[in-house]
């Protein structure tokens, strides 16, 4: 799942080098540089890729503190 999310991040950022640079501990805003619009695009792609619905009531900024935390959040979402 994490590799697929990294590919989606690379797609949103339009930067193929991110596939090799993003790690478990990469902060999605500070290290990867996702801005608000890119975060929204990433979430939409993640929802489509994994057939999940992100619940913005339960989504917290801490979920962006690392790729691992974001992946864990997505993995815990119920499948549609």
N, C-alpha and C. Protein backbone atom coordinates (compact mmCIF):
# COMPACT_ATOMS: atom_id res chain seq x y z
N UNK A 1 0.82 -1.19 0.00
CA UNK A 1 0.00 0.00 0.00
C UNK A 1 0.87 1.26 0.00
N UNK A 2 1.93 1.24 0.78
CA UNK A 2 2.78 2.42 0.90
C UNK A 2 3.42 2.78 -0.44
N UNK A 3 3.86 1.78 -1.19
CA UNK A 3 4.46 2.06 -2.50
C UNK A 3 3.44 2.71 -3.44
N UNK A 4 2.21 2.27 -3.37
CA UNK A 4 1.17 2.85 -4.21
C UNK A 4 0.89 4.29 -3.80
N UNK A 5 0.91 4.57 -2.51
CA UNK A 5 0.71 5.95 -2.04
C UNK A 5 1.87 6.83 -2.48
N UNK A 6 3.07 6.32 -2.43
CA UNK A 6 4.24 7.09 -2.90
C UNK A 6 4.09 7.41 -4.38
N UNK A 7 3.64 6.46 -5.16
CA UNK A 7 3.42 6.72 -6.60
C UNK A 7 2.36 7.80 -6.80
N UNK A 8 1.31 7.79 -5.97
CA UNK A 8 0.28 8.82 -6.07
C UNK A 8 0.83 10.19 -5.68
N UNK A 9 1.66 10.24 -4.66
CA UNK A 9 2.30 11.49 -4.26
C UNK A 9 3.17 12.02 -5.40
N UNK A 10 3.93 11.14 -6.00
CA UNK A 10 4.78 11.51 -7.13
C UNK A 10 3.94 12.06 -8.29
N UNK A 11 2.80 11.44 -8.51
CA UNK A 11 1.89 11.90 -9.57
C UNK A 11 1.33 13.28 -9.25
N UNK A 12 0.89 13.49 -8.02
CA UNK A 12 0.33 14.78 -7.62
C UNK A 12 1.38 15.88 -7.71
N UNK A 13 2.60 15.58 -7.29
CA UNK A 13 3.69 16.56 -7.33
C UNK A 13 4.32 16.67 -8.71
N UNK A 14 3.97 15.76 -9.62
CA UNK A 14 4.56 15.71 -10.96
C UNK A 14 6.09 15.68 -10.85
N UNK A 15 6.57 14.77 -9.97
CA UNK A 15 7.99 14.63 -9.70
C UNK A 15 8.33 13.15 -9.53
N UNK A 16 8.82 12.53 -10.57
CA UNK A 16 9.13 11.09 -10.54
C UNK A 16 10.24 10.76 -9.56
N UNK A 17 11.08 11.72 -9.20
CA UNK A 17 12.18 11.44 -8.28
C UNK A 17 11.69 11.17 -6.85
N UNK A 18 10.46 11.58 -6.55
CA UNK A 18 9.93 11.35 -5.21
C UNK A 18 9.79 9.86 -4.89
N UNK A 19 9.60 9.05 -5.90
CA UNK A 19 9.46 7.60 -5.68
C UNK A 19 10.68 7.06 -4.94
N UNK A 20 11.83 7.58 -5.23
CA UNK A 20 13.06 7.11 -4.60
C UNK A 20 13.40 7.89 -3.32
N UNK A 21 12.80 9.06 -3.12
CA UNK A 21 13.18 9.92 -2.01
C UNK A 21 12.25 9.87 -0.80
N UNK A 22 10.98 9.54 -1.01
CA UNK A 22 10.01 9.54 0.09
C UNK A 22 10.21 8.26 0.91
N UNK A 23 10.28 8.44 2.23
CA UNK A 23 10.48 7.32 3.15
C UNK A 23 9.33 7.26 4.16
N UNK A 24 9.36 6.23 5.01
CA UNK A 24 8.35 6.08 6.07
C UNK A 24 8.20 7.34 6.90
N UNK A 25 9.32 7.99 7.18
CA UNK A 25 9.30 9.13 8.10
C UNK A 25 9.12 10.48 7.40
N UNK A 26 8.97 10.49 6.08
CA UNK A 26 8.81 11.76 5.36
C UNK A 26 7.51 12.45 5.75
N UNK A 27 7.62 13.70 6.19
CA UNK A 27 6.45 14.52 6.50
C UNK A 27 5.86 14.97 5.17
N UNK A 28 4.56 14.77 4.99
CA UNK A 28 3.95 15.02 3.69
C UNK A 28 3.90 16.50 3.32
N UNK A 29 3.93 17.38 4.30
CA UNK A 29 3.94 18.82 4.00
C UNK A 29 5.36 19.36 4.06
N UNK A 30 6.05 19.13 5.17
CA UNK A 30 7.37 19.73 5.36
C UNK A 30 8.44 19.12 4.46
N UNK A 31 8.47 17.80 4.34
CA UNK A 31 9.52 17.14 3.56
C UNK A 31 9.14 16.97 2.08
N UNK A 32 7.92 16.57 1.84
CA UNK A 32 7.48 16.32 0.46
C UNK A 32 7.04 17.61 -0.22
N UNK A 33 6.51 18.54 0.57
CA UNK A 33 6.13 19.84 0.02
C UNK A 33 4.73 19.91 -0.56
N UNK A 34 3.85 19.01 -0.11
CA UNK A 34 2.47 19.07 -0.60
C UNK A 34 1.79 20.32 -0.07
N UNK A 35 1.15 21.08 -0.97
CA UNK A 35 0.36 22.23 -0.53
C UNK A 35 -1.10 21.78 -0.37
N UNK A 36 -1.97 22.70 0.01
CA UNK A 36 -3.36 22.34 0.31
C UNK A 36 -4.05 21.69 -0.88
N UNK A 37 -3.93 22.27 -2.04
CA UNK A 37 -4.59 21.73 -3.24
C UNK A 37 -4.03 20.35 -3.59
N UNK A 38 -2.73 20.18 -3.47
CA UNK A 38 -2.11 18.89 -3.74
C UNK A 38 -2.58 17.84 -2.72
N UNK A 39 -2.75 18.24 -1.46
CA UNK A 39 -3.26 17.31 -0.44
C UNK A 39 -4.66 16.84 -0.81
N UNK A 40 -5.50 17.76 -1.22
CA UNK A 40 -6.86 17.40 -1.64
C UNK A 40 -6.81 16.44 -2.82
N UNK A 41 -5.98 16.74 -3.80
CA UNK A 41 -5.83 15.86 -4.96
C UNK A 41 -5.33 14.48 -4.55
N UNK A 42 -4.36 14.45 -3.63
CA UNK A 42 -3.84 13.17 -3.13
C UNK A 42 -4.95 12.37 -2.46
N UNK A 43 -5.72 13.02 -1.62
CA UNK A 43 -6.80 12.31 -0.92
C UNK A 43 -7.81 11.76 -1.92
N UNK A 44 -8.15 12.52 -2.93
CA UNK A 44 -9.09 12.04 -3.96
C UNK A 44 -8.52 10.83 -4.69
N UNK A 45 -7.24 10.88 -5.03
CA UNK A 45 -6.61 9.74 -5.70
C UNK A 45 -6.54 8.52 -4.80
N UNK A 46 -6.24 8.74 -3.52
CA UNK A 46 -6.18 7.63 -2.55
C UNK A 46 -7.55 6.99 -2.42
N UNK A 47 -8.60 7.82 -2.34
CA UNK A 47 -9.95 7.28 -2.24
C UNK A 47 -10.28 6.39 -3.44
N UNK A 48 -9.91 6.86 -4.61
CA UNK A 48 -10.18 6.09 -5.83
C UNK A 48 -9.32 4.82 -5.90
N UNK A 49 -8.04 4.95 -5.60
CA UNK A 49 -7.10 3.83 -5.70
C UNK A 49 -7.45 2.69 -4.74
N UNK A 50 -7.87 3.04 -3.53
CA UNK A 50 -8.09 2.02 -2.50
C UNK A 50 -9.57 1.78 -2.17
N UNK A 51 -10.46 2.42 -2.92
CA UNK A 51 -11.92 2.28 -2.70
C UNK A 51 -12.28 2.56 -1.24
N UNK A 52 -11.82 3.71 -0.76
CA UNK A 52 -12.12 4.14 0.60
C UNK A 52 -12.73 5.53 0.55
N UNK A 53 -13.29 5.95 1.66
CA UNK A 53 -13.82 7.30 1.81
C UNK A 53 -13.15 7.93 3.02
N UNK A 54 -12.38 8.99 2.81
CA UNK A 54 -11.72 9.68 3.91
C UNK A 54 -12.79 10.43 4.70
N UNK A 55 -12.81 10.19 5.99
CA UNK A 55 -13.74 10.85 6.89
C UNK A 55 -13.05 12.08 7.46
N UNK A 56 -13.44 13.25 6.98
CA UNK A 56 -12.78 14.47 7.42
C UNK A 56 -13.10 14.81 8.87
N UNK A 57 -14.09 14.15 9.45
CA UNK A 57 -14.37 14.31 10.88
C UNK A 57 -13.26 13.67 11.71
N UNK A 58 -12.71 12.55 11.21
CA UNK A 58 -11.68 11.85 11.97
C UNK A 58 -10.26 12.15 11.47
N UNK A 59 -10.15 12.79 10.31
CA UNK A 59 -8.84 13.10 9.75
C UNK A 59 -8.20 14.22 10.55
N UNK A 60 -6.94 14.02 10.93
CA UNK A 60 -6.22 15.02 11.72
C UNK A 60 -4.90 15.37 11.04
N UNK A 61 -4.39 16.54 11.36
CA UNK A 61 -3.12 17.00 10.79
C UNK A 61 -2.01 16.01 11.10
N UNK A 62 -2.07 15.33 12.24
CA UNK A 62 -1.04 14.36 12.61
C UNK A 62 -0.93 13.23 11.60
N UNK A 63 -1.98 12.97 10.85
CA UNK A 63 -1.92 11.92 9.83
C UNK A 63 -0.94 12.28 8.71
N UNK A 64 -0.58 13.54 8.62
CA UNK A 64 0.36 14.00 7.59
C UNK A 64 1.79 14.06 8.10
N UNK A 65 2.00 13.73 9.38
CA UNK A 65 3.31 13.89 9.99
C UNK A 65 4.35 12.90 9.47
N UNK A 66 3.89 11.83 8.84
CA UNK A 66 4.81 10.91 8.18
C UNK A 66 4.03 10.06 7.18
N UNK A 67 4.74 9.55 6.22
CA UNK A 67 4.11 8.66 5.25
C UNK A 67 3.54 7.44 5.96
N UNK A 68 4.26 6.92 6.95
CA UNK A 68 3.80 5.75 7.68
C UNK A 68 2.47 6.02 8.39
N UNK A 69 2.34 7.18 9.02
CA UNK A 69 1.07 7.51 9.72
C UNK A 69 -0.07 7.67 8.73
N UNK A 70 0.20 8.30 7.59
CA UNK A 70 -0.83 8.47 6.58
C UNK A 70 -1.26 7.11 6.03
N UNK A 71 -0.29 6.24 5.77
CA UNK A 71 -0.59 4.90 5.27
C UNK A 71 -1.42 4.12 6.29
N UNK A 72 -1.06 4.21 7.56
CA UNK A 72 -1.83 3.54 8.61
C UNK A 72 -3.26 4.05 8.66
N UNK A 73 -3.42 5.36 8.51
CA UNK A 73 -4.77 5.94 8.51
C UNK A 73 -5.58 5.37 7.36
N UNK A 74 -5.00 5.38 6.15
CA UNK A 74 -5.71 4.88 4.98
C UNK A 74 -6.03 3.39 5.14
N UNK A 75 -5.08 2.62 5.66
CA UNK A 75 -5.29 1.19 5.85
C UNK A 75 -6.43 0.91 6.82
N UNK A 76 -6.67 1.82 7.76
CA UNK A 76 -7.71 1.62 8.74
C UNK A 76 -9.10 2.05 8.28
N UNK A 77 -9.19 2.65 7.11
CA UNK A 77 -10.49 3.09 6.60
C UNK A 77 -11.27 1.89 6.06
N UNK A 78 -12.59 1.87 6.28
CA UNK A 78 -13.40 0.79 5.73
C UNK A 78 -13.46 0.85 4.21
N UNK A 79 -13.40 -0.29 3.59
CA UNK A 79 -13.49 -0.37 2.12
C UNK A 79 -14.94 -0.21 1.70
N UNK A 80 -15.13 0.44 0.57
CA UNK A 80 -16.49 0.63 0.06
C UNK A 80 -16.91 -0.55 -0.78
